[in-house]
Amino acid sequence: MSLVILDRDGVINEDSDAYIKSPSEWIPVPHSPEAIALLNRFGIKIAVATNQSGLARGFYSEATLDLIHYTMQETLAKVNAAIDSIFYCPHGPDDDCICRKPKPGLLKQISQFYQCQLKDIPFVGDSMRDLEAAAAVGCLPVLVKTGKGNHTWEKYASQLPSNTLVFDNLMAFAKYYTSKYDEKSALLV
């Protein structure tokens, strides 16, 4: 199975320090829907792993989060793109849960759901906690410079996991990854 895991805020949609609290606040990062469509065209499944501490903080309800995700899927559908599964941590930073990134719980849930090993599966994020979670389970850490990504790159470039790939945005990653995917497929023919 071909799988790519994406963080949500800052990778697929614009991030906000005030949280994404309603469907109207969900605004895609330019070309991220088309990037997901490109990955989908190669038969690559897309899973989302996202911290949503706004739930624990009372900024929005699970019903509102469902509506935000519905808006995301509707936006993606307009360019023939889709996310196959969404996994989120509803806890706050002080809850000491196992699913809040940088802990690997969400990624382990994805592994169980798809019944696959995560070794070398790309996990695309914009923060150190995304990259640390990726490294903890053997995913290929991928940093995009959208959202908090530029800040992450500037502040932590020398501390990134050694095999981290860095791209300007999700579309740049998708073009790179599908070109490599194509080469791998050609080798199998």
Protein backbone atom coordinates (compact mmCIF):
# COMPACT_ATOMS: atom_id res chain seq x y z
CA MET A 1 0.00 0.00 0.00
CA SER A 2 1.13 3.54 -0.79
CA LEU A 3 0.45 5.97 2.04
CA VAL A 4 1.40 9.55 2.87
CA ILE A 5 0.61 11.07 6.26
CA LEU A 6 -0.02 14.81 6.53
CA ASP A 7 -0.30 17.20 9.42
CA ARG A 8 -3.33 19.47 8.88
CA ASP A 9 -2.80 23.04 10.10
CA GLY A 10 0.06 24.70 8.26
CA VAL A 11 0.37 21.90 5.69
CA ILE A 12 -3.10 21.49 4.14
CA ASN A 13 -4.68 24.66 5.47
CA GLU A 14 -3.43 27.98 6.77
CA ASP A 15 -2.50 27.87 10.45
CA SER A 16 -3.67 30.31 13.10
CA ASP A 17 -2.34 31.00 16.58
CA ALA A 18 -6.01 31.64 17.46
CA TYR A 19 -6.90 28.10 16.23
CA ILE A 20 -9.15 27.07 13.37
CA LYS A 21 -12.47 27.21 15.23
CA SER A 22 -15.06 27.12 12.43
CA PRO A 23 -15.44 25.93 8.84
CA SER A 24 -15.17 29.55 7.62
CA GLU A 25 -11.70 29.79 9.21
CA TRP A 26 -10.47 26.73 7.27
CA ILE A 27 -8.51 28.21 4.32
CA PRO A 28 -6.35 25.93 2.18
CA VAL A 29 -2.66 26.64 1.75
CA PRO A 30 -2.28 27.61 -1.94
CA HIS A 31 -2.03 24.50 -4.14
CA SER A 32 -2.40 22.03 -1.25
CA PRO A 33 -5.68 20.61 -2.65
CA GLU A 34 -4.00 20.10 -6.02
CA ALA A 35 -1.01 18.47 -4.30
CA ILE A 36 -3.32 15.96 -2.61
CA ALA A 37 -5.04 15.37 -5.97
CA LEU A 38 -1.65 14.63 -7.53
CA LEU A 39 -0.84 12.09 -4.82
CA ASN A 40 -4.31 10.55 -5.21
CA ARG A 41 -3.79 10.13 -8.98
CA PHE A 42 -0.90 7.79 -8.17
CA GLY A 43 -3.15 5.70 -5.94
CA ILE A 44 -1.54 7.06 -2.78
CA LYS A 45 -3.77 7.03 0.29
CA ILE A 46 -3.71 10.15 2.44
CA ALA A 47 -4.03 10.04 6.22
CA VAL A 48 -4.08 13.13 8.41
CA ALA A 49 -2.51 13.21 11.89
CA THR A 50 -3.35 16.44 13.71
CA ASN A 51 -3.23 17.81 17.24
CA GLN A 52 -6.53 19.53 18.01
CA SER A 53 -6.06 20.90 21.51
CA GLY A 54 -8.74 23.50 20.77
CA LEU A 55 -11.18 20.75 21.75
CA ALA A 56 -9.66 20.40 25.23
CA ARG A 57 -9.47 24.19 25.55
CA GLY A 58 -13.18 24.53 24.73
CA PHE A 59 -12.62 26.63 21.60
CA TYR A 60 -14.83 24.33 19.49
CA SER A 61 -16.76 21.08 19.78
CA GLU A 62 -16.23 17.72 18.10
CA ALA A 63 -19.31 18.50 15.98
CA THR A 64 -17.63 21.71 14.79
CA LEU A 65 -14.39 19.82 14.10
CA ASP A 66 -16.42 17.38 11.98
CA LEU A 67 -17.84 20.35 10.03
CA ILE A 68 -14.34 21.75 9.53
CA HIS A 69 -13.22 18.39 8.16
CA TYR A 70 -16.33 18.21 5.97
CA THR A 71 -15.40 21.64 4.55
CA MET A 72 -11.86 20.39 3.95
CA GLN A 73 -13.11 17.29 2.08
CA GLU A 74 -15.58 19.39 0.05
CA THR A 75 -12.79 21.78 -0.96
CA LEU A 76 -10.57 18.87 -1.96
CA ALA A 77 -13.38 17.21 -3.94
CA LYS A 78 -13.54 20.28 -6.20
CA VAL A 79 -10.11 19.27 -7.59
CA ASN A 80 -10.74 15.50 -7.45
CA ALA A 81 -8.75 15.08 -4.25
CA ALA A 82 -9.65 13.24 -1.06
CA ILE A 83 -8.24 12.42 2.33
CA ASP A 84 -8.81 8.77 3.23
CA SER A 85 -8.65 9.06 7.02
CA ILE A 86 -8.29 11.68 9.73
CA PHE A 87 -6.76 10.98 13.13
CA TYR A 88 -6.68 13.70 15.75
CA CYS A 89 -5.58 14.21 19.32
CA PRO A 90 -8.30 16.03 21.28
CA HIS A 91 -6.10 16.59 24.34
CA GLY A 92 -4.32 19.64 25.69
CA PRO A 93 -0.55 19.91 26.17
CA ASP A 94 -0.79 19.12 29.90
CA ASP A 95 -2.98 16.01 29.53
CA ASP A 96 0.00 13.65 29.18
CA CYS A 97 -1.75 11.56 26.55
CA ILE A 98 0.04 9.21 24.14
CA CYS A 99 -1.53 10.66 21.01
CA ARG A 100 -0.40 14.30 21.15
CA LYS A 101 2.53 14.87 18.82
CA PRO A 102 5.52 14.67 19.32
CA LYS A 103 4.42 11.42 20.96
CA PRO A 104 3.77 8.76 18.31
CA GLY A 105 0.27 7.62 19.35
CA LEU A 106 -1.58 9.06 16.34
CA LEU A 107 0.91 7.49 13.96
CA LYS A 108 0.56 4.14 15.72
CA GLN A 109 -3.23 4.43 15.29
CA ILE A 110 -2.68 4.98 11.56
CA SER A 111 -0.39 1.94 11.41
CA GLN A 112 -3.04 -0.20 13.09
CA PHE A 113 -5.86 1.19 10.92
CA TYR A 114 -4.01 0.44 7.67
CA GLN A 115 -2.35 -2.70 9.07
CA CYS A 116 1.01 -1.55 7.76
CA GLN A 117 4.47 -0.71 9.00
CA LEU A 118 5.32 2.97 8.92
CA LYS A 119 8.98 2.58 8.04
CA ASP A 120 9.82 5.12 5.33
CA ILE A 121 6.19 6.28 4.98
CA PRO A 122 6.40 10.07 4.51
CA PHE A 123 4.94 12.19 7.29
CA VAL A 124 4.68 15.80 6.12
CA GLY A 125 4.54 18.47 8.80
CA ASP A 126 5.50 22.05 9.57
CA SER A 127 6.78 21.70 13.15
CA MET A 128 9.48 19.91 15.12
CA ARG A 129 6.83 17.90 16.95
CA ASP A 130 5.66 16.49 13.59
CA LEU A 131 9.21 15.53 12.64
CA GLU A 132 9.92 14.03 16.08
CA ALA A 133 6.75 11.93 15.91
CA ALA A 134 7.74 10.77 12.42
CA ALA A 135 11.22 9.77 13.56
CA ALA A 136 9.84 7.92 16.60
CA VAL A 137 8.01 5.40 14.39
CA GLY A 138 10.43 5.24 11.46
CA CYS A 139 8.42 7.44 9.11
CA LEU A 140 10.31 9.58 6.62
CA PRO A 141 10.17 13.09 8.16
CA VAL A 142 9.22 15.79 5.67
CA LEU A 143 9.21 19.50 6.55
CA VAL A 144 7.25 21.98 4.47
CA LYS A 145 7.97 25.68 4.88
CA THR A 146 4.30 26.69 5.00
CA GLY A 147 2.51 27.36 8.29
CA LYS A 148 5.15 27.26 11.01
CA GLY A 149 7.59 25.53 8.66
CA ASN A 150 9.78 28.54 7.89
CA HIS A 151 10.17 29.21 11.61
CA THR A 152 10.93 25.52 12.23
CA TRP A 153 13.57 25.56 9.49
CA GLU A 154 15.19 28.76 10.71
CA LYS A 155 15.22 27.76 14.38
CA TYR A 156 15.89 24.01 14.20
CA ALA A 157 17.65 23.31 10.88
CA SER A 158 20.66 21.76 12.63
CA GLN A 159 18.43 19.66 14.92
CA LEU A 160 16.12 18.06 12.34
CA PRO A 161 16.15 14.27 12.16
CA SER A 162 19.05 13.32 9.85
CA ASN A 163 16.89 11.99 7.01
CA THR A 164 14.43 14.93 6.93
CA LEU A 165 13.42 16.16 3.49
CA VAL A 166 12.58 19.88 3.20
CA PHE A 167 10.24 21.46 0.64
CA ASP A 168 8.72 24.90 0.15
CA ASN A 169 5.16 23.51 0.24
CA LEU A 170 3.03 20.41 -0.13
CA MET A 171 2.93 20.69 -3.93
CA ALA A 172 6.73 20.67 -4.14
CA PHE A 173 6.76 17.51 -2.01
CA ALA A 174 3.98 15.89 -4.07
CA LYS A 175 5.81 16.52 -7.34
CA TYR A 176 9.04 15.12 -5.90
CA TYR A 177 7.38 12.10 -4.33
CA THR A 178 5.29 11.14 -7.34
CA SER A 179 8.32 11.44 -9.62
CA LYS A 180 10.18 9.01 -7.33
CA TYR A 181 7.08 6.83 -7.12
CA ASP A 182 6.97 6.76 -10.91
CA GLU A 183 10.60 5.66 -11.10
CA LYS A 184 9.96 2.88 -8.58
CA SER A 185 6.93 1.74 -10.58
CA ALA A 186 8.94 1.74 -13.80
CA LEU A 187 11.53 -0.48 -12.16
CA LEU A 188 8.85 -3.05 -11.36
CA VAL A 189 7.60 -3.33 -14.94
